[in-house]
PDB file of all heavy atoms in Angstrom:
ATOM      1  N   GLY A   1     117.099  51.627  65.018  1.00  0.00           N
ATOM      2  CA  GLY A   1     118.251  51.829  65.895  1.00  0.00           C
ATOM      3  C   GLY A   1     118.136  53.116  66.689  1.00  0.00           C
ATOM      4  O   GLY A   1     118.487  53.172  67.878  1.00  0.00           O
ATOM      5  N   LYS A   2     117.640  54.149  66.035  1.00  0.00           N
ATOM      6  CA  LYS A   2     117.465  55.439  66.700  1.00  0.00           C
ATOM      7  C   LYS A   2     116.514  55.332  67.883  1.00  0.00           C
ATOM      8  O   LYS A   2     116.694  56.010  68.918  1.00  0.00           O
ATOM      9  CB  LYS A   2     116.924  56.441  65.676  1.00  0.00           C
ATOM     10  CG  LYS A   2     116.652  57.839  66.196  1.00  0.00           C
ATOM     11  CD  LYS A   2     116.147  58.722  65.057  1.00  0.00           C
ATOM     12  CE  LYS A   2     115.794  60.118  65.539  1.00  0.00           C
ATOM     13  NZ  LYS A   2     115.301  60.961  64.415  1.00  0.00           N
ATOM     14  N   HIS A   3     115.512  54.448  67.791  1.00  0.00           N
ATOM     15  CA  HIS A   3     114.526  54.299  68.861  1.00  0.00           C
ATOM     16  C   HIS A   3     114.826  53.109  69.781  1.00  0.00           C
ATOM     17  O   HIS A   3     113.968  52.729  70.585  1.00  0.00           O
ATOM     18  CB  HIS A   3     113.127  54.155  68.251  1.00  0.00           C
ATOM     19  CG  HIS A   3     112.618  55.423  67.639  1.00  0.00           C
ATOM     20  ND1 HIS A   3     111.921  56.380  68.351  1.00  0.00           N
ATOM     21  CD2 HIS A   3     112.729  55.919  66.375  1.00  0.00           C
ATOM     22  CE1 HIS A   3     111.612  57.391  67.553  1.00  0.00           C
ATOM     23  NE2 HIS A   3     112.096  57.132  66.346  1.00  0.00           N
ATOM     24  N   GLY A   4     116.023  52.534  69.657  1.00  0.00           N
ATOM     25  CA  GLY A   4     116.420  51.446  70.543  1.00  0.00           C
ATOM     26  C   GLY A   4     115.634  50.173  70.346  1.00  0.00           C
ATOM     27  O   GLY A   4     115.438  49.403  71.297  1.00  0.00           O
ATOM     28  N   LEU A   5     115.195  49.891  69.121  1.00  0.00           N
ATOM     29  CA  LEU A   5     114.344  48.733  68.863  1.00  0.00           C
ATOM     30  C   LEU A   5     115.095  47.525  68.338  1.00  0.00           C
ATOM     31  O   LEU A   5     114.492  46.465  68.146  1.00  0.00           O
ATOM     32  CB  LEU A   5     113.256  49.124  67.836  1.00  0.00           C
ATOM     33  CG  LEU A   5     112.336  50.279  68.249  1.00  0.00           C
ATOM     34  CD1 LEU A   5     111.381  50.609  67.108  1.00  0.00           C
ATOM     35  CD2 LEU A   5     111.563  49.931  69.516  1.00  0.00           C
ATOM     36  N   LEU A   6     116.390  47.668  68.089  1.00  0.00           N
ATOM     37  CA  LEU A   6     117.163  46.546  67.575  1.00  0.00           C
ATOM     38  C   LEU A   6     117.732  45.733  68.720  1.00  0.00           C
ATOM     39  O   LEU A   6     118.105  46.284  69.763  1.00  0.00           O
ATOM     40  CB  LEU A   6     118.288  47.046  66.663  1.00  0.00           C
ATOM     41  CG  LEU A   6     117.833  47.800  65.413  1.00  0.00           C
ATOM     42  CD1 LEU A   6     119.034  48.278  64.624  1.00  0.00           C
ATOM     43  CD2 LEU A   6     116.939  46.923  64.543  1.00  0.00           C
ATOM     44  N   PRO A   7     117.834  44.407  68.554  1.00  0.00           N
ATOM     45  CA  PRO A   7     118.340  43.556  69.651  1.00  0.00           C
ATOM     46  C   PRO A   7     119.801  43.848  69.939  1.00  0.00           C
ATOM     47  O   PRO A   7     120.569  44.175  69.039  1.00  0.00           O
ATOM     48  CB  PRO A   7     118.145  42.148  69.097  1.00  0.00           C
ATOM     49  CG  PRO A   7     118.178  42.305  67.604  1.00  0.00           C
ATOM     50  CD  PRO A   7     117.527  43.631  67.345  1.00  0.00           C
ATOM     51  N   ARG A   8     120.171  43.740  71.203  1.00  0.00           N
ATOM     52  CA  ARG A   8     121.561  43.953  71.612  1.00  0.00           C
ATOM     53  C   ARG A   8     122.042  42.763  72.423  1.00  0.00           C
ATOM     54  O   ARG A   8     121.293  42.196  73.210  1.00  0.00           O
ATOM     55  CB  ARG A   8     121.690  45.234  72.446  1.00  0.00           C
ATOM     56  CG  ARG A   8     121.295  46.497  71.702  1.00  0.00           C
ATOM     57  CD  ARG A   8     121.472  47.734  72.563  1.00  0.00           C
ATOM     58  NE  ARG A   8     121.046  48.948  71.869  1.00  0.00           N
ATOM     59  CZ  ARG A   8     121.795  49.628  71.018  1.00  0.00           C
ATOM     60  NH1 ARG A   8     123.021  49.212  70.765  1.00  0.00           N
ATOM     61  NH2 ARG A   8     121.339  50.711  70.426  1.00  0.00           N
ATOM     62  N   GLY A   9     123.297  42.385  72.223  1.00  0.00           N
ATOM     63  CA  GLY A   9     123.890  41.301  72.996  1.00  0.00           C
ATOM     64  C   GLY A   9     123.696  39.955  72.334  1.00  0.00           C
ATOM     65  O   GLY A   9     122.779  39.745  71.541  1.00  0.00           O
ATOM     66  N   PRO A  10     124.597  38.984  72.631  1.00  0.00           N
ATOM     67  CA  PRO A  10     124.529  37.644  72.038  1.00  0.00           C
ATOM     68  C   PRO A  10     123.207  36.962  72.360  1.00  0.00           C
ATOM     69  O   PRO A  10     122.745  36.961  73.501  1.00  0.00           O
ATOM     70  CB  PRO A  10     125.711  36.917  72.692  1.00  0.00           C
ATOM     71  CG  PRO A  10     126.609  37.999  73.196  1.00  0.00           C
ATOM     72  CD  PRO A  10     125.713  39.148  73.561  1.00  0.00           C
ATOM     73  N   GLY A  11     122.601  36.369  71.348  1.00  0.00           N
ATOM     74  CA  GLY A  11     121.379  35.598  71.550  1.00  0.00           C
ATOM     75  C   GLY A  11     120.133  36.415  71.775  1.00  0.00           C
ATOM     76  O   GLY A  11     119.063  35.853  72.040  1.00  0.00           O
ATOM     77  N   ALA A  12     120.214  37.740  71.690  1.00  0.00           N
ATOM     78  CA  ALA A  12     119.033  38.581  71.919  1.00  0.00           C
ATOM     79  C   ALA A  12     118.012  38.346  70.820  1.00  0.00           C
ATOM     80  O   ALA A  12     118.349  38.238  69.645  1.00  0.00           O
ATOM     81  CB  ALA A  12     119.441  40.047  71.955  1.00  0.00           C
ATOM     82  N   GLN A  13     116.760  38.236  71.199  1.00  0.00           N
ATOM     83  CA  GLN A  13     115.688  37.998  70.242  1.00  0.00           C
ATOM     84  C   GLN A  13     114.984  39.316  69.902  1.00  0.00           C
ATOM     85  O   GLN A  13     114.532  40.023  70.811  1.00  0.00           O
ATOM     86  CB  GLN A  13     114.674  37.005  70.813  1.00  0.00           C
ATOM     87  CG  GLN A  13     115.254  35.621  71.063  1.00  0.00           C
ATOM     88  CD  GLN A  13     115.743  34.969  69.788  1.00  0.00           C
ATOM     89  OE1 GLN A  13     115.035  34.946  68.782  1.00  0.00           O
ATOM     90  NE2 GLN A  13     116.959  34.434  69.810  1.00  0.00           N
ATOM     91  N   PRO A  14     114.870  39.644  68.642  1.00  0.00           N
ATOM     92  CA  PRO A  14     114.244  40.920  68.290  1.00  0.00           C
ATOM     93  C   PRO A  14     112.735  40.887  68.462  1.00  0.00           C
ATOM     94  O   PRO A  14     112.090  39.880  68.168  1.00  0.00           O
ATOM     95  CB  PRO A  14     114.624  41.097  66.816  1.00  0.00           C
ATOM     96  CG  PRO A  14     114.795  39.699  66.301  1.00  0.00           C
ATOM     97  CD  PRO A  14     115.341  38.902  67.455  1.00  0.00           C
ATOM     98  N   GLY A  15     112.192  41.959  68.974  1.00  0.00           N
ATOM     99  CA  GLY A  15     110.744  42.091  68.943  1.00  0.00           C
ATOM    100  C   GLY A  15     110.330  42.603  67.580  1.00  0.00           C
ATOM    101  O   GLY A  15     109.345  42.152  66.999  1.00  0.00           O
ATOM    102  N   LEU A  16     111.091  43.541  67.042  1.00  0.00           N
ATOM    103  CA  LEU A  16     110.874  44.079  65.708  1.00  0.00           C
ATOM    104  C   LEU A  16     111.640  43.231  64.699  1.00  0.00           C
ATOM    105  O   LEU A  16     112.833  42.969  64.870  1.00  0.00           O
ATOM    106  CB  LEU A  16     111.372  45.529  65.646  1.00  0.00           C
ATOM    107  CG  LEU A  16     111.341  46.218  64.286  1.00  0.00           C
ATOM    108  CD1 LEU A  16     109.899  46.446  63.835  1.00  0.00           C
ATOM    109  CD2 LEU A  16     112.109  47.529  64.335  1.00  0.00           C
ATOM    110  N   ARG A  17     110.941  42.797  63.647  1.00  0.00           N
ATOM    111  CA  ARG A  17     111.605  42.044  62.576  1.00  0.00           C
ATOM    112  C   ARG A  17     111.478  42.841  61.267  1.00  0.00           C
ATOM    113  O   ARG A  17     110.437  43.437  60.995  1.00  0.00           O
ATOM    114  CB  ARG A  17     110.978  40.659  62.400  1.00  0.00           C
ATOM    115  CG  ARG A  17     111.079  39.778  63.633  1.00  0.00           C
ATOM    116  CD  ARG A  17     110.728  38.338  63.304  1.00  0.00           C
ATOM    117  NE  ARG A  17     109.388  38.223  62.753  1.00  0.00           N
ATOM    118  CZ  ARG A  17     108.956  37.165  62.025  1.00  0.00           C
ATOM    119  NH1 ARG A  17     109.783  36.173  61.746  1.00  0.00           N
ATOM    120  NH2 ARG A  17     107.714  37.126  61.573  1.00  0.00           N
ATOM    121  N   ILE A  18     112.547  42.809  60.481  1.00  0.00           N
ATOM    122  CA  ILE A  18     112.593  43.582  59.236  1.00  0.00           C
ATOM    123  C   ILE A  18     113.120  42.684  58.117  1.00  0.00           C
ATOM    124  O   ILE A  18     114.116  41.974  58.302  1.00  0.00           O
ATOM    125  CB  ILE A  18     113.497  44.823  59.391  1.00  0.00           C
ATOM    126  CG1 ILE A  18     112.988  45.727  60.522  1.00  0.00           C
ATOM    127  CG2 ILE A  18     113.572  45.603  58.071  1.00  0.00           C
ATOM    128  CD1 ILE A  18     113.977  46.790  60.939  1.00  0.00           C
ATOM    129  N   ALA A  19     112.451  42.708  56.973  1.00  0.00           N
ATOM    130  CA  ALA A  19     112.913  41.963  55.801  1.00  0.00           C
ATOM    131  C   ALA A  19     112.870  42.879  54.588  1.00  0.00           C
ATOM    132  O   ALA A  19     112.079  43.827  54.526  1.00  0.00           O
ATOM    133  CB  ALA A  19     112.043  40.724  55.566  1.00  0.00           C
ATOM    134  N   GLY A  20     113.726  42.590  53.628  1.00  0.00           N
ATOM    135  CA  GLY A  20     113.802  43.398  52.419  1.00  0.00           C
ATOM    136  C   GLY A  20     113.568  42.589  51.163  1.00  0.00           C
ATOM    137  O   GLY A  20     113.007  41.492  51.191  1.00  0.00           O
ATOM    138  N   HIS A  21     114.046  43.128  50.055  1.00  0.00           N
ATOM    139  CA  HIS A  21     113.895  42.471  48.747  1.00  0.00           C
ATOM    140  C   HIS A  21     115.005  42.976  47.844  1.00  0.00           C
ATOM    141  O   HIS A  21     115.232  44.173  47.766  1.00  0.00           O
ATOM    142  CB  HIS A  21     112.539  42.820  48.143  1.00  0.00           C
ATOM    143  CG  HIS A  21     112.202  42.059  46.895  1.00  0.00           C
ATOM    144  ND1 HIS A  21     112.843  42.248  45.688  1.00  0.00           N
ATOM    145  CD2 HIS A  21     111.272  41.094  46.666  1.00  0.00           C
ATOM    146  CE1 HIS A  21     112.321  41.449  44.779  1.00  0.00           C
ATOM    147  NE2 HIS A  21     111.370  40.727  45.342  1.00  0.00           N
ATOM    148  N   ASP A  22     115.720  42.100  47.187  1.00  0.00           N
ATOM    149  CA  ASP A  22     116.744  42.372  46.163  1.00  0.00           C
ATOM    150  C   ASP A  22     118.083  41.726  46.489  1.00  0.00           C
ATOM    151  O   ASP A  22     118.815  41.328  45.611  1.00  0.00           O
ATOM    152  CB  ASP A  22     117.010  43.878  45.929  1.00  0.00           C
ATOM    153  CG  ASP A  22     115.824  44.607  45.336  1.00  0.00           C
ATOM    154  OD1 ASP A  22     114.912  43.940  44.805  1.00  0.00           O
ATOM    155  OD2 ASP A  22     115.788  45.849  45.426  1.00  0.00           O
ATOM    156  N   ASP A  23     118.459  41.657  47.759  1.00  0.00           N
ATOM    157  CA  ASP A  23     119.796  41.253  48.194  1.00  0.00           C
ATOM    158  C   ASP A  23     120.846  42.228  47.688  1.00  0.00           C
ATOM    159  O   ASP A  23     121.795  41.894  46.994  1.00  0.00           O
ATOM    160  CB  ASP A  23     120.145  39.831  47.757  1.00  0.00           C
ATOM    161  CG  ASP A  23     121.284  39.232  48.597  1.00  0.00           C
ATOM    162  OD1 ASP A  23     121.508  39.725  49.727  1.00  0.00           O
ATOM    163  OD2 ASP A  23     121.932  38.280  48.130  1.00  0.00           O
ATOM    164  N   ASN A  24     120.649  43.478  48.068  1.00  0.00           N
ATOM    165  CA  ASN A  24     121.638  44.530  47.870  1.00  0.00           C
ATOM    166  C   ASN A  24     123.007  44.034  48.362  1.00  0.00           C
ATOM    167  O   ASN A  24     123.082  43.330  49.365  1.00  0.00           O
ATOM    168  CB  ASN A  24     121.177  45.750  48.678  1.00  0.00           C
ATOM    169  CG  ASN A  24     122.074  46.947  48.574  1.00  0.00           C
ATOM    170  OD1 ASN A  24     123.271  46.868  48.842  1.00  0.00           O
ATOM    171  ND2 ASN A  24     121.503  48.072  48.237  1.00  0.00           N
ATOM    172  N   PRO A  25     124.113  44.350  47.667  1.00  0.00           N
ATOM    173  CA  PRO A  25     125.429  43.851  48.079  1.00  0.00           C
ATOM    174  C   PRO A  25     125.800  44.136  49.535  1.00  0.00           C
ATOM    175  O   PRO A  25     126.620  43.421  50.113  1.00  0.00           O
ATOM    176  CB  PRO A  25     126.385  44.565  47.118  1.00  0.00           C
ATOM    177  CG  PRO A  25     125.576  44.838  45.902  1.00  0.00           C
ATOM    178  CD  PRO A  25     124.194  45.126  46.412  1.00  0.00           C
ATOM    179  N   MET A  26     125.216  45.185  50.130  1.00  0.00           N
ATOM    180  CA  MET A  26     125.544  45.523  51.516  1.00  0.00           C
ATOM    181  C   MET A  26     124.613  44.871  52.533  1.00  0.00           C
ATOM    182  O   MET A  26     124.846  44.982  53.735  1.00  0.00           O
ATOM    183  CB  MET A  26     125.505  47.046  51.700  1.00  0.00           C
ATOM    184  CG  MET A  26     126.522  47.795  50.871  1.00  0.00           C
ATOM    185  SD  MET A  26     128.220  47.250  51.194  1.00  0.00           S
ATOM    186  CE  MET A  26     128.404  47.723  52.913  1.00  0.00           C
ATOM    187  N   SER A  27     123.587  44.165  52.077  1.00  0.00           N
ATOM    188  CA  SER A  27     122.558  43.665  52.993  1.00  0.00           C
ATOM    189  C   SER A  27     123.098  42.684  54.026  1.00  0.00           C
ATOM    190  O   SER A  27     122.662  42.680  55.176  1.00  0.00           O
ATOM    191  CB  SER A  27     121.425  43.014  52.197  1.00  0.00           C
ATOM    192  OG  SER A  27     120.774  43.968  51.390  1.00  0.00           O
ATOM    193  N   ARG A  28     124.053  41.866  53.616  1.00  0.00           N
ATOM    194  CA  ARG A  28     124.579  40.890  54.585  1.00  0.00           C
ATOM    195  C   ARG A  28     125.581  41.490  55.555  1.00  0.00           C
ATOM    196  O   ARG A  28     125.993  40.840  56.510  1.00  0.00           O
ATOM    197  CB  ARG A  28     125.200  39.700  53.849  1.00  0.00           C
ATOM    198  CG  ARG A  28     126.399  40.016  52.978  1.00  0.00           C
ATOM    199  CD  ARG A  28     126.698  38.830  52.072  1.00  0.00           C
ATOM    200  NE  ARG A  28     127.838  39.076  51.200  1.00  0.00           N
ATOM    201  CZ  ARG A  28     129.062  38.591  51.415  1.00  0.00           C
ATOM    202  NH1 ARG A  28     129.310  37.860  52.493  1.00  0.00           N
ATOM    203  NH2 ARG A  28     130.039  38.840  50.571  1.00  0.00           N
ATOM    204  N   PHE A  29     125.965  42.756  55.321  1.00  0.00           N
ATOM    205  CA  PHE A  29     126.921  43.407  56.209  1.00  0.00           C
ATOM    206  C   PHE A  29     126.262  44.424  57.132  1.00  0.00           C
ATOM    207  O   PHE A  29     126.949  45.107  57.886  1.00  0.00           O
ATOM    208  CB  PHE A  29     128.016  44.090  55.386  1.00  0.00           C
ATOM    209  CG  PHE A  29     128.834  43.122  54.577  1.00  0.00           C
ATOM    210  CD1 PHE A  29     128.691  43.058  53.201  1.00  0.00           C
ATOM    211  CD2 PHE A  29     129.729  42.259  55.197  1.00  0.00           C
ATOM    212  CE1 PHE A  29     129.438  42.161  52.450  1.00  0.00           C
ATOM    213  CE2 PHE A  29     130.475  41.359  54.448  1.00  0.00           C
ATOM    214  CZ  PHE A  29     130.333  41.305  53.080  1.00  0.00           C
ATOM    215  N   MET A  30     124.934  44.552  57.061  1.00  0.00           N
ATOM    216  CA  MET A  30     124.240  45.471  57.957  1.00  0.00           C
ATOM    217  C   MET A  30     124.211  44.902  59.372  1.00  0.00           C
ATOM    218  O   MET A  30     124.535  43.736  59.604  1.00  0.00           O
ATOM    219  CB  MET A  30     122.809  45.702  57.459  1.00  0.00           C
ATOM    220  CG  MET A  30     122.728  46.407  56.113  1.00  0.00           C
ATOM    221  SD  MET A  30     121.011  46.532  55.554  1.00  0.00           S
ATOM    222  CE  MET A  30     121.247  47.312  53.964  1.00  0.00           C
ATOM    223  N   THR A  31     123.804  45.727  60.319  1.00  0.00           N
ATOM    224  CA  THR A  31     123.649  45.272  61.698  1.00  0.00           C
ATOM    225  C   THR A  31     122.234  45.598  62.156  1.00  0.00           C
ATOM    226  O   THR A  31     121.902  46.767  62.343  1.00  0.00           O
ATOM    227  CB  THR A  31     124.659  45.959  62.633  1.00  0.00           C
ATOM    228  OG1 THR A  31     125.986  45.707  62.156  1.00  0.00           O
ATOM    229  CG2 THR A  31     124.531  45.430  64.044  1.00  0.00           C
ATOM    230  N   PRO A  32     121.386  44.573  62.288  1.00  0.00           N
ATOM    231  CA  PRO A  32     121.624  43.168  61.959  1.00  0.00           C
ATOM    232  C   PRO A  32     121.625  42.938  60.441  1.00  0.00           C
ATOM    233  O   PRO A  32     121.081  43.749  59.694  1.00  0.00           O
ATOM    234  CB  PRO A  32     120.432  42.467  62.615  1.00  0.00           C
ATOM    235  CG  PRO A  32     119.334  43.486  62.575  1.00  0.00           C
ATOM    236  CD  PRO A  32     120.008  44.807  62.801  1.00  0.00           C
ATOM    237  N   SER A  33     122.227  41.818  60.026  1.00  0.00           N
ATOM    238  CA  SER A  33     122.225  41.497  58.599  1.00  0.00           C
ATOM    239  C   SER A  33     120.785  41.244  58.156  1.00  0.00           C
ATOM    240  O   SER A  33     119.936  40.788  58.921  1.00  0.00           O
ATOM    241  CB  SER A  33     123.097  40.273  58.327  1.00  0.00           C
ATOM    242  OG  SER A  33     122.681  39.162  59.108  1.00  0.00           O
ATOM    243  N   LEU A  34     120.519  41.564  56.888  1.00  0.00           N
ATOM    244  CA  LEU A  34     119.139  41.676  56.426  1.00  0.00           C
ATOM    245  C   LEU A  34     118.634  40.402  55.755  1.00  0.00           C
ATOM    246  O   LEU A  34     119.235  39.893  54.810  1.00  0.00           O
ATOM    247  CB  LEU A  34     119.027  42.842  55.435  1.00  0.00           C
ATOM    248  CG  LEU A  34     117.627  43.193  54.938  1.00  0.00           C
ATOM    249  CD1 LEU A  34     116.748  43.682  56.083  1.00  0.00           C
ATOM    250  CD2 LEU A  34     117.720  44.261  53.843  1.00  0.00           C
ATOM    251  N   THR A  35     117.513  39.902  56.254  1.00  0.00           N
ATOM    252  CA  THR A  35     116.784  38.841  55.568  1.00  0.00           C
ATOM    253  C   THR A  35     116.121  39.439  54.333  1.00  0.00           C
ATOM    254  O   THR A  35     115.487  40.494  54.408  1.00  0.00           O
ATOM    255  CB  THR A  35     115.720  38.227  56.494  1.00  0.00           C
ATOM    256  OG1 THR A  35     116.379  37.503  57.541  1.00  0.00           O
ATOM    257  CG2 THR A  35     114.796  37.276  55.733  1.00  0.00           C
ATOM    258  N   THR A  36     116.264  38.762  53.195  1.00  0.00           N
ATOM    259  CA  THR A  36     115.810  39.368  51.942  1.00  0.00           C
ATOM    260  C   THR A  36     115.593  38.301  50.880  1.00  0.00           C
ATOM    261  O   THR A  36     115.872  37.111  51.099  1.00  0.00           O
ATOM    262  CB  THR A  36     116.838  40.414  51.457  1.00  0.00           C
ATOM    263  OG1 THR A  36     116.333  41.116  50.338  1.00  0.00           O
ATOM    264  CG2 THR A  36     118.170  39.766  51.098  1.00  0.00           C
ATOM    265  N   ALA A  37     115.097  38.708  49.719  1.00  0.00           N
ATOM    266  CA  ALA A  37     114.950  37.837  48.555  1.00  0.00           C
ATOM    267  C   ALA A  37     115.999  38.230  47.528  1.00  0.00           C
ATOM    268  O   ALA A  37     116.024  39.386  47.090  1.00  0.00           O
ATOM    269  CB  ALA A  37     113.542  37.958  47.965  1.00  0.00           C
ATOM    270  N   ALA A  38     116.855  37.307  47.178  1.00  0.00           N
ATOM    271  CA  ALA A  38     117.968  37.603  46.273  1.00  0.00           C
ATOM    272  C   ALA A  38     117.520  37.467  44.826  1.00  0.00           C
ATOM    273  O   ALA A  38     117.105  36.398  44.385  1.00  0.00           O
ATOM    274  CB  ALA A  38     119.137  36.664  46.553  1.00  0.00           C
ATOM    275  N   GLN A  39     117.601  38.576  44.083  1.00  0.00           N
ATOM    276  CA  GLN A  39     117.307  38.523  42.663  1.00  0.00           C
ATOM    277  C   GLN A  39     118.442  37.828  41.907  1.00  0.00           C
ATOM    278  O   GLN A  39     119.601  37.879  42.315  1.00  0.00           O
ATOM    279  CB  GLN A  39     117.112  39.936  42.103  1.00  0.00           C
ATOM    280  CG  GLN A  39     115.886  40.656  42.654  1.00  0.00           C
ATOM    281  CD  GLN A  39     115.419  41.769  41.748  1.00  0.00           C
ATOM    282  OE1 GLN A  39     115.248  41.560  40.548  1.00  0.00           O
ATOM    283  NE2 GLN A  39     115.203  42.945  42.308  1.00  0.00           N
ATOM    284  N   ASN A  40     118.086  37.222  40.785  1.00  0.00           N
ATOM    285  CA  ASN A  40     119.066  36.503  39.969  1.00  0.00           C
ATOM    286  C   ASN A  40     119.674  37.477  38.957  1.00  0.00           C
ATOM    287  O   ASN A  40     119.317  37.494  37.777  1.00  0.00           O
ATOM    288  CB  ASN A  40     118.401  35.327  39.264  1.00  0.00           C
ATOM    289  CG  ASN A  40     119.406  34.369  38.653  1.00  0.00           C
ATOM    290  OD1 ASN A  40     120.551  34.731  38.398  1.00  0.00           O
ATOM    291  ND2 ASN A  40     118.990  33.147  38.422  1.00  0.00           N
ATOM    292  N   PHE A  41     120.595  38.321  39.443  1.00  0.00           N
ATOM    293  CA  PHE A  41     121.185  39.352  38.591  1.00  0.00           C
ATOM    294  C   PHE A  41     121.876  38.755  37.371  1.00  0.00           C
ATOM    295  O   PHE A  41     121.764  39.290  36.262  1.00  0.00           O
ATOM    296  CB  PHE A  41     122.182  40.191  39.394  1.00  0.00           C
ATOM    297  CG  PHE A  41     121.553  41.113  40.384  1.00  0.00           C
ATOM    298  CD1 PHE A  41     121.359  40.735  41.700  1.00  0.00           C
ATOM    299  CD2 PHE A  41     121.155  42.387  40.007  1.00  0.00           C
ATOM    300  CE1 PHE A  41     120.781  41.589  42.615  1.00  0.00           C
ATOM    301  CE2 PHE A  41     120.573  43.256  40.911  1.00  0.00           C
ATOM    302  CZ  PHE A  41     120.381  42.851  42.220  1.00  0.00           C
ATOM    303  N   GLU A  42     122.602  37.668  37.581  1.00  0.00           N
ATOM    304  CA  GLU A  42     123.355  37.081  36.466  1.00  0.00           C
ATOM    305  C   GLU A  42     122.425  36.642  35.347  1.00  0.00           C
ATOM    306  O   GLU A  42     122.675  36.922  34.167  1.00  0.00           O
ATOM    307  CB  GLU A  42     124.179  35.895  36.953  1.00  0.00           C
ATOM    308  CG  GLU A  42     125.012  35.253  35.856  1.00  0.00           C
ATOM    309  CD  GLU A  42     125.885  34.119  36.355  1.00  0.00           C
ATOM    310  OE1 GLU A  42     126.001  33.932  37.588  1.00  0.00           O
ATOM    311  OE2 GLU A  42     126.460  33.414  35.506  1.00  0.00           O
ATOM    312  N   ALA A  43     121.315  35.979  35.701  1.00  0.00           N
ATOM    313  CA  ALA A  43     120.374  35.513  34.684  1.00  0.00           C
ATOM    314  C   ALA A  43     119.688  36.688  33.994  1.00  0.00           C
ATOM    315  O   ALA A  43     119.483  36.673  32.776  1.00  0.00           O
ATOM    316  CB  ALA A  43     119.335  34.590  35.313  1.00  0.00           C
ATOM    317  N   ILE A  44     119.331  37.722  34.761  1.00  0.00           N
ATOM    318  CA  ILE A  44     118.684  38.895  34.174  1.00  0.00           C
ATOM    319  C   ILE A  44     119.622  39.592  33.195  1.00  0.00           C
ATOM    320  O   ILE A  44     119.233  39.943  32.078  1.00  0.00           O
ATOM    321  CB  ILE A  44     118.224  39.858  35.284  1.00  0.00           C
ATOM    322  CG1 ILE A  44     117.091  39.231  36.093  1.00  0.00           C
ATOM    323  CG2 ILE A  44     117.770  41.195  34.692  1.00  0.00           C
ATOM    324  CD1 ILE A  44     116.718  40.008  37.342  1.00  0.00           C
ATOM    325  N   GLY A  45     120.876  39.798  33.607  1.00  0.00           N
ATOM    326  CA  GLY A  45     121.838  40.458  32.734  1.00  0.00           C
ATOM    327  C   GLY A  45     122.127  39.663  31.483  1.00  0.00           C
ATOM    328  O   GLY A  45     122.118  40.197  30.361  1.00  0.00           O
TER     329      GLY A  45
END
């Protein structure tokens, strides 16, 4: 975001793509929301 690399406006296609791992509770509320792998916390606990 600091370098202006995130897409802006409806339907904008990102040149830079970012993915994570864990499905942190805030990941779906980021801008843009984060593609990630959701760990099975309930089963682990």
